[in-house]
PDB file of N, CA and C in Angstrom:
ATOM      1  N   MET A   1      20.265  10.417 -24.249  1.00  0.00           N
ATOM      2  CA  MET A   1      19.255   9.590 -23.639  1.00  0.00           C
ATOM      3  C   MET A   1      18.096   9.453 -24.635  1.00  0.00           C
ATOM      4  N   SER A   2      17.665   8.218 -24.845  1.00  0.00           N
ATOM      5  CA  SER A   2      16.582   7.998 -25.792  1.00  0.00           C
ATOM      6  C   SER A   2      15.245   8.398 -25.181  1.00  0.00           C
ATOM      7  N   ASP A   3      14.275   8.610 -26.061  1.00  0.00           N
ATOM      8  CA  ASP A   3      12.933   8.968 -25.594  1.00  0.00           C
ATOM      9  C   ASP A   3      12.321   7.845 -24.766  1.00  0.00           C
ATOM     10  N   GLN A   4      12.625   6.611 -25.130  1.00  0.00           N
ATOM     11  CA  GLN A   4      12.076   5.463 -24.407  1.00  0.00           C
ATOM     12  C   GLN A   4      12.631   5.407 -22.981  1.00  0.00           C
ATOM     13  N   VAL A   5      13.911   5.651 -22.806  1.00  0.00           N
ATOM     14  CA  VAL A   5      14.526   5.664 -21.477  1.00  0.00           C
ATOM     15  C   VAL A   5      13.948   6.811 -20.653  1.00  0.00           C
ATOM     16  N   ALA A   6      13.806   7.969 -21.258  1.00  0.00           N
ATOM     17  CA  ALA A   6      13.238   9.124 -20.551  1.00  0.00           C
ATOM     18  C   ALA A   6      11.794   8.849 -20.139  1.00  0.00           C
ATOM     19  N   ALA A   7      11.013   8.221 -21.003  1.00  0.00           N
ATOM     20  CA  ALA A   7       9.623   7.896 -20.674  1.00  0.00           C
ATOM     21  C   ALA A   7       9.569   6.909 -19.516  1.00  0.00           C
ATOM     22  N   GLY A   8      10.469   5.916 -19.538  1.00  0.00           N
ATOM     23  CA  GLY A   8      10.522   4.943 -18.447  1.00  0.00           C
ATOM     24  C   GLY A   8      10.857   5.598 -17.120  1.00  0.00           C
ATOM     25  N   ARG A   9      11.782   6.533 -17.141  1.00  0.00           N
ATOM     26  CA  ARG A   9      12.138   7.258 -15.923  1.00  0.00           C
ATOM     27  C   ARG A   9      10.976   8.110 -15.433  1.00  0.00           C
ATOM     28  N   GLY A  10      10.245   8.700 -16.382  1.00  0.00           N
ATOM     29  CA  GLY A  10       9.093   9.517 -16.004  1.00  0.00           C
ATOM     30  C   GLY A  10       8.004   8.696 -15.336  1.00  0.00           C
ATOM     31  N   VAL A  11       7.738   7.518 -15.870  1.00  0.00           N
ATOM     32  CA  VAL A  11       6.731   6.630 -15.282  1.00  0.00           C
ATOM     33  C   VAL A  11       7.187   6.190 -13.893  1.00  0.00           C
ATOM     34  N   ARG A  12       8.459   5.823 -13.781  1.00  0.00           N
ATOM     35  CA  ARG A  12       8.982   5.389 -12.476  1.00  0.00           C
ATOM     36  C   ARG A  12       8.913   6.536 -11.465  1.00  0.00           C
ATOM     37  N   THR A  13       9.237   7.741 -11.882  1.00  0.00           N
ATOM     38  CA  THR A  13       9.163   8.896 -10.984  1.00  0.00           C
ATOM     39  C   THR A  13       7.724   9.129 -10.517  1.00  0.00           C
ATOM     40  N   LEU A  14       6.779   8.995 -11.427  1.00  0.00           N
ATOM     41  CA  LEU A  14       5.369   9.140 -11.064  1.00  0.00           C
ATOM     42  C   LEU A  14       4.954   8.064 -10.060  1.00  0.00           C
ATOM     43  N   LEU A  15       5.320   6.810 -10.322  1.00  0.00           N
ATOM     44  CA  LEU A  15       4.988   5.723  -9.393  1.00  0.00           C
ATOM     45  C   LEU A  15       5.609   5.947  -8.025  1.00  0.00           C
ATOM     46  N   VAL A  16       6.867   6.357  -7.997  1.00  0.00           N
ATOM     47  CA  VAL A  16       7.532   6.629  -6.723  1.00  0.00           C
ATOM     48  C   VAL A  16       6.783   7.733  -5.979  1.00  0.00           C
ATOM     49  N   SER A  17       6.399   8.774  -6.674  1.00  0.00           N
ATOM     50  CA  SER A  17       5.665   9.884  -6.038  1.00  0.00           C
ATOM     51  C   SER A  17       4.345   9.409  -5.451  1.00  0.00           C
ATOM     52  N   VAL A  18       3.617   8.609  -6.197  1.00  0.00           N
ATOM     53  CA  VAL A  18       2.336   8.079  -5.711  1.00  0.00           C
ATOM     54  C   VAL A  18       2.564   7.211  -4.478  1.00  0.00           C
ATOM     55  N   TYR A  19       3.569   6.358  -4.528  1.00  0.00           N
ATOM     56  CA  TYR A  19       3.813   5.457  -3.405  1.00  0.00           C
ATOM     57  C   TYR A  19       4.370   6.164  -2.185  1.00  0.00           C
ATOM     58  N   VAL A  20       5.076   7.267  -2.365  1.00  0.00           N
ATOM     59  CA  VAL A  20       5.496   8.070  -1.209  1.00  0.00           C
ATOM     60  C   VAL A  20       4.251   8.610  -0.508  1.00  0.00           C
ATOM     61  N   ILE A  21       3.304   9.108  -1.271  1.00  0.00           N
ATOM     62  CA  ILE A  21       2.056   9.635  -0.697  1.00  0.00           C
ATOM     63  C   ILE A  21       1.279   8.527   0.002  1.00  0.00           C
ATOM     64  N   LEU A  22       1.144   7.358  -0.661  1.00  0.00           N
ATOM     65  CA  LEU A  22       0.432   6.234  -0.047  1.00  0.00           C
ATOM     66  C   LEU A  22       1.117   5.785   1.243  1.00  0.00           C
ATOM     67  N   THR A  23       2.436   5.741   1.222  1.00  0.00           N
ATOM     68  CA  THR A  23       3.189   5.334   2.418  1.00  0.00           C
ATOM     69  C   THR A  23       2.925   6.288   3.564  1.00  0.00           C
ATOM     70  N   LEU A  24       3.054   7.572   3.305  1.00  0.00           N
ATOM     71  CA  LEU A  24       2.848   8.559   4.365  1.00  0.00           C
ATOM     72  C   LEU A  24       1.415   8.534   4.884  1.00  0.00           C
ATOM     73  N   ALA A  25       0.449   8.402   3.978  1.00  0.00           N
ATOM     74  CA  ALA A  25      -0.954   8.383   4.391  1.00  0.00           C
ATOM     75  C   ALA A  25      -1.260   7.135   5.229  1.00  0.00           C
ATOM     76  N   ALA A  26      -0.823   5.970   4.764  1.00  0.00           N
ATOM     77  CA  ALA A  26      -1.097   4.736   5.500  1.00  0.00           C
ATOM     78  C   ALA A  26      -0.340   4.704   6.823  1.00  0.00           C
ATOM     79  N   LEU A  27       0.886   5.215   6.824  1.00  0.00           N
ATOM     80  CA  LEU A  27       1.668   5.248   8.054  1.00  0.00           C
ATOM     81  C   LEU A  27       1.018   6.173   9.086  1.00  0.00           C
ATOM     82  N   GLY A  28       0.625   7.355   8.653  1.00  0.00           N
ATOM     83  CA  GLY A  28      -0.031   8.288   9.570  1.00  0.00           C
ATOM     84  C   GLY A  28      -1.339   7.755  10.096  1.00  0.00           C
ATOM     85  N   ARG A  29      -2.121   7.190   9.197  1.00  0.00           N
ATOM     86  CA  ARG A  29      -3.426   6.658   9.590  1.00  0.00           C
ATOM     87  C   ARG A  29      -3.263   5.507  10.576  1.00  0.00           C
ATOM     88  N   SER A  30      -2.409   4.544  10.236  1.00  0.00           N
ATOM     89  CA  SER A  30      -2.263   3.373  11.095  1.00  0.00           C
ATOM     90  C   SER A  30      -1.621   3.736  12.434  1.00  0.00           C
ATOM     91  N   ALA A  31      -0.658   4.631  12.427  1.00  0.00           N
ATOM     92  CA  ALA A  31      -0.020   5.040  13.691  1.00  0.00           C
ATOM     93  C   ALA A  31      -1.046   5.685  14.619  1.00  0.00           C
ATOM     94  N   TYR A  32      -1.874   6.555  14.068  1.00  0.00           N
ATOM     95  CA  TYR A  32      -2.917   7.194  14.871  1.00  0.00           C
ATOM     96  C   TYR A  32      -3.904   6.152  15.398  1.00  0.00           C
ATOM     97  N   GLN A  33      -4.364   5.261  14.529  1.00  0.00           N
ATOM     98  CA  GLN A  33      -5.354   4.263  14.933  1.00  0.00           C
ATOM     99  C   GLN A  33      -4.789   3.315  15.993  1.00  0.00           C
ATOM    100  N   ILE A  34      -3.572   2.869  15.797  1.00  0.00           N
ATOM    101  CA  ILE A  34      -2.966   1.951  16.759  1.00  0.00           C
ATOM    102  C   ILE A  34      -2.717   2.649  18.096  1.00  0.00           C
ATOM    103  N   ALA A  35      -2.303   3.900  18.047  1.00  0.00           N
ATOM    104  CA  ALA A  35      -2.013   4.643  19.277  1.00  0.00           C
ATOM    105  C   ALA A  35      -3.264   5.016  20.056  1.00  0.00           C
ATOM    106  N   THR A  36      -4.378   5.232  19.363  1.00  0.00           N
ATOM    107  CA  THR A  36      -5.558   5.767  20.055  1.00  0.00           C
ATOM    108  C   THR A  36      -6.717   4.791  20.230  1.00  0.00           C
ATOM    109  N   LYS A  37      -6.824   3.790  19.355  1.00  0.00           N
ATOM    110  CA  LYS A  37      -8.005   2.919  19.459  1.00  0.00           C
ATOM    111  C   LYS A  37      -7.762   1.510  18.933  1.00  0.00           C
ATOM    112  N   PHE A  38      -6.583   0.991  19.154  1.00  0.00           N
ATOM    113  CA  PHE A  38      -6.217  -0.332  18.661  1.00  0.00           C
ATOM    114  C   PHE A  38      -7.170  -1.413  19.163  1.00  0.00           C
ATOM    115  N   ASP A  39      -7.621  -1.298  20.407  1.00  0.00           N
ATOM    116  CA  ASP A  39      -8.485  -2.321  20.989  1.00  0.00           C
ATOM    117  C   ASP A  39      -9.855  -2.401  20.305  1.00  0.00           C
ATOM    118  N   GLU A  40     -10.266  -1.380  19.576  1.00  0.00           N
ATOM    119  CA  GLU A  40     -11.556  -1.385  18.885  1.00  0.00           C
ATOM    120  C   GLU A  40     -11.555  -2.292  17.649  1.00  0.00           C
ATOM    121  N   ALA A  41     -10.442  -2.334  16.929  1.00  0.00           N
ATOM    122  CA  ALA A  41     -10.381  -3.113  15.686  1.00  0.00           C
ATOM    123  C   ALA A  41      -8.916  -3.471  15.381  1.00  0.00           C
ATOM    124  N   PRO A  42      -8.337  -4.369  16.170  1.00  0.00           N
ATOM    125  CA  PRO A  42      -6.914  -4.665  15.984  1.00  0.00           C
ATOM    126  C   PRO A  42      -6.578  -5.227  14.605  1.00  0.00           C
ATOM    127  N   LEU A  43      -7.445  -6.058  14.036  1.00  0.00           N
ATOM    128  CA  LEU A  43      -7.164  -6.617  12.713  1.00  0.00           C
ATOM    129  C   LEU A  43      -7.138  -5.517  11.655  1.00  0.00           C
ATOM    130  N   ALA A  44      -8.125  -4.661  11.660  1.00  0.00           N
ATOM    131  CA  ALA A  44      -8.199  -3.590  10.661  1.00  0.00           C
ATOM    132  C   ALA A  44      -7.006  -2.645  10.790  1.00  0.00           C
ATOM    133  N   TYR A  45      -6.682  -2.254  12.002  1.00  0.00           N
ATOM    134  CA  TYR A  45      -5.594  -1.306  12.185  1.00  0.00           C
ATOM    135  C   TYR A  45      -4.231  -1.955  11.940  1.00  0.00           C
ATOM    136  N   GLY A  46      -4.133  -3.235  12.257  1.00  0.00           N
ATOM    137  CA  GLY A  46      -2.914  -3.965  11.938  1.00  0.00           C
ATOM    138  C   GLY A  46      -2.707  -4.092  10.433  1.00  0.00           C
ATOM    139  N   LEU A  47      -3.796  -4.310   9.700  1.00  0.00           N
ATOM    140  CA  LEU A  47      -3.705  -4.375   8.237  1.00  0.00           C
ATOM    141  C   LEU A  47      -3.320  -3.028   7.641  1.00  0.00           C
ATOM    142  N   SER A  48      -3.787  -1.957   8.239  1.00  0.00           N
ATOM    143  CA  SER A  48      -3.376  -0.629   7.758  1.00  0.00           C
ATOM    144  C   SER A  48      -1.881  -0.431   7.972  1.00  0.00           C
ATOM    145  N   ALA A  49      -1.358  -0.909   9.094  1.00  0.00           N
ATOM    146  CA  ALA A  49       0.085  -0.816   9.342  1.00  0.00           C
ATOM    147  C   ALA A  49       0.852  -1.696   8.362  1.00  0.00           C
ATOM    148  N   LEU A  50       0.321  -2.888   8.075  1.00  0.00           N
ATOM    149  CA  LEU A  50       0.951  -3.765   7.089  1.00  0.00           C
ATOM    150  C   LEU A  50       0.968  -3.091   5.718  1.00  0.00           C
ATOM    151  N   ALA A  51      -0.128  -2.443   5.359  1.00  0.00           N
ATOM    152  CA  ALA A  51      -0.186  -1.728   4.079  1.00  0.00           C
ATOM    153  C   ALA A  51       0.896  -0.651   4.031  1.00  0.00           C
ATOM    154  N   ALA A  52       1.071   0.078   5.120  1.00  0.00           N
ATOM    155  CA  ALA A  52       2.114   1.122   5.165  1.00  0.00           C
ATOM    156  C   ALA A  52       3.489   0.508   4.935  1.00  0.00           C
ATOM    157  N   LEU A  53       3.735  -0.638   5.546  1.00  0.00           N
ATOM    158  CA  LEU A  53       5.020  -1.313   5.370  1.00  0.00           C
ATOM    159  C   LEU A  53       5.203  -1.771   3.922  1.00  0.00           C
ATOM    160  N   VAL A  54       4.159  -2.325   3.336  1.00  0.00           N
ATOM    161  CA  VAL A  54       4.222  -2.763   1.934  1.00  0.00           C
ATOM    162  C   VAL A  54       4.487  -1.573   1.022  1.00  0.00           C
ATOM    163  N   TYR A  55       3.841  -0.453   1.274  1.00  0.00           N
ATOM    164  CA  TYR A  55       4.056   0.742   0.460  1.00  0.00           C
ATOM    165  C   TYR A  55       5.479   1.262   0.607  1.00  0.00           C
ATOM    166  N   LEU A  56       6.009   1.194   1.813  1.00  0.00           N
ATOM    167  CA  LEU A  56       7.386   1.631   2.032  1.00  0.00           C
ATOM    168  C   LEU A  56       8.362   0.741   1.249  1.00  0.00           C
ATOM    169  N   VAL A  57       8.175  -0.567   1.336  1.00  0.00           N
ATOM    170  CA  VAL A  57       9.035  -1.495   0.588  1.00  0.00           C
ATOM    171  C   VAL A  57       8.904  -1.236  -0.913  1.00  0.00           C
ATOM    172  N   ALA A  58       7.671  -1.066  -1.387  1.00  0.00           N
ATOM    173  CA  ALA A  58       7.455  -0.801  -2.813  1.00  0.00           C
ATOM    174  C   ALA A  58       8.129   0.500  -3.236  1.00  0.00           C
ATOM    175  N   THR A  59       8.041   1.527  -2.412  1.00  0.00           N
ATOM    176  CA  THR A  59       8.660   2.818  -2.732  1.00  0.00           C
ATOM    177  C   THR A  59      10.171   2.689  -2.863  1.00  0.00           C
ATOM    178  N   ILE A  60      10.778   2.056  -1.881  1.00  0.00           N
ATOM    179  CA  ILE A  60      12.235   1.883  -1.922  1.00  0.00           C
ATOM    180  C   ILE A  60      12.641   1.031  -3.118  1.00  0.00           C
ATOM    181  N   ALA A  61      11.882  -0.033  -3.373  1.00  0.00           N
ATOM    182  CA  ALA A  61      12.200  -0.902  -4.508  1.00  0.00           C
ATOM    183  C   ALA A  61      12.021  -0.173  -5.834  1.00  0.00           C
ATOM    184  N   LEU A  62      10.979   0.648  -5.948  1.00  0.00           N
ATOM    185  CA  LEU A  62      10.779   1.410  -7.183  1.00  0.00           C
ATOM    186  C   LEU A  62      11.901   2.418  -7.404  1.00  0.00           C
ATOM    187  N   ILE A  63      12.398   2.999  -6.322  1.00  0.00           N
ATOM    188  CA  ILE A  63      13.510   3.940  -6.441  1.00  0.00           C
ATOM    189  C   ILE A  63      14.740   3.222  -6.986  1.00  0.00           C
ATOM    190  N   SER A  64      14.929   1.985  -6.563  1.00  0.00           N
ATOM    191  CA  SER A  64      16.109   1.229  -7.003  1.00  0.00           C
ATOM    192  C   SER A  64      15.779   0.262  -8.135  1.00  0.00           C
ATOM    193  N   ALA A  65      14.730   0.539  -8.903  1.00  0.00           N
ATOM    194  CA  ALA A  65      14.278  -0.370  -9.960  1.00  0.00           C
ATOM    195  C   ALA A  65      15.264  -0.495 -11.119  1.00  0.00           C
ATOM    196  N   ALA A  66      16.269   0.338 -11.163  1.00  0.00           N
ATOM    197  CA  ALA A  66      17.281   0.198 -12.212  1.00  0.00           C
ATOM    198  C   ALA A  66      18.094  -1.079 -11.984  1.00  0.00           C
ATOM    199  N   HIS A  67      18.113  -1.553 -10.765  1.00  0.00           N
ATOM    200  CA  HIS A  67      18.819  -2.791 -10.417  1.00  0.00           C
ATOM    201  C   HIS A  67      17.819  -3.951 -10.485  1.00  0.00           C
ATOM    202  N   PRO A  68      18.216  -5.103 -11.016  1.00  0.00           N
ATOM    203  CA  PRO A  68      17.283  -6.238 -11.143  1.00  0.00           C
ATOM    204  C   PRO A  68      16.608  -6.645  -9.832  1.00  0.00           C
ATOM    205  N   SER A  69      17.325  -6.618  -8.718  1.00  0.00           N
ATOM    206  CA  SER A  69      16.685  -7.006  -7.459  1.00  0.00           C
ATOM    207  C   SER A  69      15.639  -5.974  -7.035  1.00  0.00           C
ATOM    208  N   GLY A  70      15.873  -4.710  -7.368  1.00  0.00           N
ATOM    209  CA  GLY A  70      14.868  -3.676  -7.084  1.00  0.00           C
ATOM    210  C   GLY A  70      13.586  -3.932  -7.835  1.00  0.00           C
ATOM    211  N   ARG A  71      13.712  -4.299  -9.099  1.00  0.00           N
ATOM    212  CA  ARG A  71      12.521  -4.619  -9.906  1.00  0.00           C
ATOM    213  C   ARG A  71      11.789  -5.828  -9.349  1.00  0.00           C
ATOM    214  N   THR A  72      12.529  -6.839  -8.937  1.00  0.00           N
ATOM    215  CA  THR A  72      11.907  -8.044  -8.395  1.00  0.00           C
ATOM    216  C   THR A  72      11.152  -7.739  -7.105  1.00  0.00           C
ATOM    217  N   ILE A  73      11.789  -7.016  -6.210  1.00  0.00           N
ATOM    218  CA  ILE A  73      11.142  -6.663  -4.947  1.00  0.00           C
ATOM    219  C   ILE A  73       9.931  -5.776  -5.196  1.00  0.00           C
ATOM    220  N   ALA A  74      10.047  -4.818  -6.106  1.00  0.00           N
ATOM    221  CA  ALA A  74       8.915  -3.945  -6.430  1.00  0.00           C
ATOM    222  C   ALA A  74       7.747  -4.765  -6.981  1.00  0.00           C
ATOM    223  N   THR A  75       8.044  -5.710  -7.844  1.00  0.00           N
ATOM    224  CA  THR A  75       6.993  -6.559  -8.420  1.00  0.00           C
ATOM    225  C   THR A  75       6.278  -7.342  -7.327  1.00  0.00           C
ATOM    226  N   TRP A  76       7.040  -7.945  -6.422  1.00  0.00           N
ATOM    227  CA  TRP A  76       6.433  -8.712  -5.327  1.00  0.00           C
ATOM    228  C   TRP A  76       5.619  -7.809  -4.394  1.00  0.00           C
ATOM    229  N   ALA A  77       6.138  -6.636  -4.087  1.00  0.00           N
ATOM    230  CA  ALA A  77       5.423  -5.718  -3.195  1.00  0.00           C
ATOM    231  C   ALA A  77       4.123  -5.243  -3.835  1.00  0.00           C
ATOM    232  N   LEU A  78       4.167  -4.909  -5.119  1.00  0.00           N
ATOM    233  CA  LEU A  78       2.952  -4.452  -5.802  1.00  0.00           C
ATOM    234  C   LEU A  78       1.943  -5.583  -5.941  1.00  0.00           C
ATOM    235  N   ALA A  79       2.425  -6.807  -6.165  1.00  0.00           N
ATOM    236  CA  ALA A  79       1.523  -7.965  -6.233  1.00  0.00           C
ATOM    237  C   ALA A  79       0.878  -8.218  -4.873  1.00  0.00           C
ATOM    238  N   PHE A  80       1.667  -8.102  -3.803  1.00  0.00           N
ATOM    239  CA  PHE A  80       1.126  -8.279  -2.457  1.00  0.00           C
ATOM    240  C   PHE A  80       0.069  -7.227  -2.161  1.00  0.00           C
ATOM    241  N   GLU A  81       0.343  -6.003  -2.576  1.00  0.00           N
ATOM    242  CA  GLU A  81      -0.639  -4.931  -2.378  1.00  0.00           C
ATOM    243  C   GLU A  81      -1.930  -5.237  -3.120  1.00  0.00           C
ATOM    244  N   ALA A  82      -1.814  -5.678  -4.363  1.00  0.00           N
ATOM    245  CA  ALA A  82      -3.003  -6.010  -5.153  1.00  0.00           C
ATOM    246  C   ALA A  82      -3.806  -7.121  -4.474  1.00  0.00           C
ATOM    247  N   LEU A  83      -3.115  -8.134  -3.977  1.00  0.00           N
ATOM    248  CA  LEU A  83      -3.808  -9.211  -3.265  1.00  0.00           C
ATOM    249  C   LEU A  83      -4.479  -8.692  -2.002  1.00  0.00           C
ATOM    250  N   GLY A  84      -3.823  -7.762  -1.310  1.00  0.00           N
ATOM    251  CA  GLY A  84      -4.421  -7.170  -0.117  1.00  0.00           C
ATOM    252  C   GLY A  84      -5.684  -6.402  -0.435  1.00  0.00           C
ATOM    253  N   VAL A  85      -5.628  -5.601  -1.472  1.00  0.00           N
ATOM    254  CA  VAL A  85      -6.800  -4.815  -1.872  1.00  0.00           C
ATOM    255  C   VAL A  85      -7.953  -5.736  -2.271  1.00  0.00           C
ATOM    256  N   VAL A  86      -7.654  -6.747  -3.080  1.00  0.00           N
ATOM    257  CA  VAL A  86      -8.705  -7.666  -3.536  1.00  0.00           C
ATOM    258  C   VAL A  86      -9.196  -8.543  -2.385  1.00  0.00           C
ATOM    259  N   GLY A  87      -8.269  -9.092  -1.601  1.00  0.00           N
ATOM    260  CA  GLY A  87      -8.663  -9.974  -0.498  1.00  0.00           C
ATOM    261  C   GLY A  87      -9.452  -9.256   0.576  1.00  0.00           C
ATOM    262  N   VAL A  88      -8.893  -8.177   1.107  1.00  0.00           N
ATOM    263  CA  VAL A  88      -9.581  -7.427   2.157  1.00  0.00           C
ATOM    264  C   VAL A  88     -10.842  -6.782   1.596  1.00  0.00           C
ATOM    265  N   GLY A  89     -10.759  -6.281   0.364  1.00  0.00           N
ATOM    266  CA  GLY A  89     -11.951  -5.700  -0.267  1.00  0.00           C
ATOM    267  C   GLY A  89     -13.088  -6.694  -0.365  1.00  0.00           C
ATOM    268  N   THR A  90     -12.767  -7.918  -0.744  1.00  0.00           N
ATOM    269  CA  THR A  90     -13.793  -8.966  -0.845  1.00  0.00           C
ATOM    270  C   THR A  90     -14.393  -9.269   0.521  1.00  0.00           C
ATOM    271  N   PHE A  91     -13.535  -9.452   1.527  1.00  0.00           N
ATOM    272  CA  PHE A  91     -14.043  -9.757   2.867  1.00  0.00           C
ATOM    273  C   PHE A  91     -14.883  -8.625   3.433  1.00  0.00           C
ATOM    274  N   THR A  92     -14.529  -7.376   3.153  1.00  0.00           N
ATOM    275  CA  THR A  92     -15.302  -6.259   3.701  1.00  0.00           C
ATOM    276  C   THR A  92     -16.655  -6.127   3.030  1.00  0.00           C
ATOM    277  N   VAL A  93     -16.780  -6.630   1.815  1.00  0.00           N
ATOM    278  CA  VAL A  93     -18.074  -6.599   1.133  1.00  0.00           C
ATOM    279  C   VAL A  93     -18.915  -7.816   1.527  1.00  0.00           C
ATOM    280  N   VAL A  94     -18.288  -8.991   1.573  1.00  0.00           N
ATOM    281  CA  VAL A  94     -19.001 -10.232   1.859  1.00  0.00           C
ATOM    282  C   VAL A  94     -19.406 -10.324   3.330  1.00  0.00           C
ATOM    283  N   ASP A  95     -18.509  -9.967   4.238  1.00  0.00           N
ATOM    284  CA  ASP A  95     -18.787 -10.054   5.672  1.00  0.00           C
ATOM    285  C   ASP A  95     -18.235  -8.827   6.392  1.00  0.00           C
ATOM    286  N   PRO A  96     -18.946  -7.706   6.326  1.00  0.00           N
ATOM    287  CA  PRO A  96     -18.460  -6.459   6.920  1.00  0.00           C
ATOM    288  C   PRO A  96     -18.199  -6.552   8.419  1.00  0.00           C
ATOM    289  N   ALA A  97     -18.818  -7.499   9.094  1.00  0.00           N
ATOM    290  CA  ALA A  97     -18.627  -7.631  10.537  1.00  0.00           C
ATOM    291  C   ALA A  97     -17.188  -8.015  10.888  1.00  0.00           C
ATOM    292  N   LEU A  98     -16.461  -8.597   9.939  1.00  0.00           N
ATOM    293  CA  LEU A  98     -15.067  -8.950  10.192  1.00  0.00           C
ATOM    294  C   LEU A  98     -14.206  -7.720  10.421  1.00  0.00           C
ATOM    295  N   PHE A  99     -14.616  -6.604   9.847  1.00  0.00           N
ATOM    296  CA  PHE A  99     -13.840  -5.371   9.932  1.00  0.00           C
ATOM    297  C   PHE A  99     -14.727  -4.243  10.469  1.00  0.00           C
ATOM    298  N   PRO A 100     -14.785  -4.104  11.803  1.00  0.00           N
ATOM    299  CA  PRO A 100     -15.629  -3.051  12.369  1.00  0.00           C
ATOM    300  C   PRO A 100     -15.130  -1.643  12.058  1.00  0.00           C
ATOM    301  N   ALA A 101     -13.919  -1.551  11.569  1.00  0.00           N
ATOM    302  CA  ALA A 101     -13.354  -0.259  11.162  1.00  0.00           C
ATOM    303  C   ALA A 101     -12.652  -0.463   9.826  1.00  0.00           C
ATOM    304  N   ASP A 102     -12.519   0.606   9.058  1.00  0.00           N
ATOM    305  CA  ASP A 102     -11.884   0.512   7.749  1.00  0.00           C
ATOM    306  C   ASP A 102     -10.377   0.332   7.847  1.00  0.00           C
ATOM    307  N   THR A 103      -9.846  -0.408   6.888  1.00  0.00           N
ATOM    308  CA  THR A 103      -8.412  -0.436   6.643  1.00  0.00           C
ATOM    309  C   THR A 103      -8.206   0.371   5.366  1.00  0.00           C
ATOM    310  N   VAL A 104      -6.973   0.593   4.980  1.00  0.00           N
ATOM    311  CA  VAL A 104      -6.753   1.308   3.719  1.00  0.00           C
ATOM    312  C   VAL A 104      -7.173   0.443   2.531  1.00  0.00           C
ATOM    313  N   TRP A 105      -7.304  -0.873   2.742  1.00  0.00           N
ATOM    314  CA  TRP A 105      -7.702  -1.776   1.662  1.00  0.00           C
ATOM    315  C   TRP A 105      -9.196  -2.093   1.682  1.00  0.00           C
ATOM    316  N   SER A 106      -9.957  -1.560   2.637  1.00  0.00           N
ATOM    317  CA  SER A 106     -11.387  -1.865   2.748  1.00  0.00           C
ATOM    318  C   SER A 106     -12.154  -1.444   1.504  1.00  0.00           C
ATOM    319  N   ASN A 107     -13.157  -2.234   1.177  1.00  0.00           N
ATOM    320  CA  ASN A 107     -14.030  -1.940   0.037  1.00  0.00           C
ATOM    321  C   ASN A 107     -13.222  -1.613  -1.221  1.00  0.00           C
ATOM    322  N   PHE A 108     -12.215  -2.444  -1.460  1.00  0.00           N
ATOM    323  CA  PHE A 108     -11.369  -2.344  -2.655  1.00  0.00           C
ATOM    324  C   PHE A 108     -10.653  -1.005  -2.768  1.00  0.00           C
ATOM    325  N   GLY A 109     -10.176  -0.499  -1.635  1.00  0.00           N
ATOM    326  CA  GLY A 109      -9.375   0.720  -1.649  1.00  0.00           C
ATOM    327  C   GLY A 109     -10.120   1.972  -1.261  1.00  0.00           C
ATOM    328  N   GLN A 110     -11.421   1.888  -0.993  1.00  0.00           N
ATOM    329  CA  GLN A 110     -12.145   3.086  -0.574  1.00  0.00           C
ATOM    330  C   GLN A 110     -11.626   3.597   0.768  1.00  0.00           C
ATOM    331  N   GLY A 111     -10.974   2.715   1.527  1.00  0.00           N
ATOM    332  CA  GLY A 111     -10.411   3.112   2.805  1.00  0.00           C
ATOM    333  C   GLY A 111      -9.301   4.134   2.690  1.00  0.00           C
ATOM    334  N   TYR A 112      -8.756   4.303   1.473  1.00  0.00           N
ATOM    335  CA  TYR A 112      -7.728   5.330   1.276  1.00  0.00           C
ATOM    336  C   TYR A 112      -8.296   6.711   1.570  1.00  0.00           C
ATOM    337  N   VAL A 113      -9.539   6.893   1.240  1.00  0.00           N
ATOM    338  CA  VAL A 113     -10.181   8.182   1.409  1.00  0.00           C
ATOM    339  C   VAL A 113     -10.537   8.364   2.869  1.00  0.00           C
TER     340      VAL A 113
END
């Protein structure tokens, strides 16, 4: 195995690990919010659930990135996530009243914390 192939696998393993954590965190957060206080901020909590779904798709696609369709799906999922972070982040800064509660994408990702 060449050093370049090993490095690529290492980067992919790191990305998969990060996305597993993001998936679990967003899934847990959104499930709790939807189960306990969905009526307070349905858009924000729905977006957190959407983020969890996007992270799950990205994780599975990154795991199967050795296959061309896995790479394509991973690219689309990561692009969608980036648009979510930038779009929701912009709206939460420009008009905070739209989001009475944080999503994981609020304030350009500060909602992760």
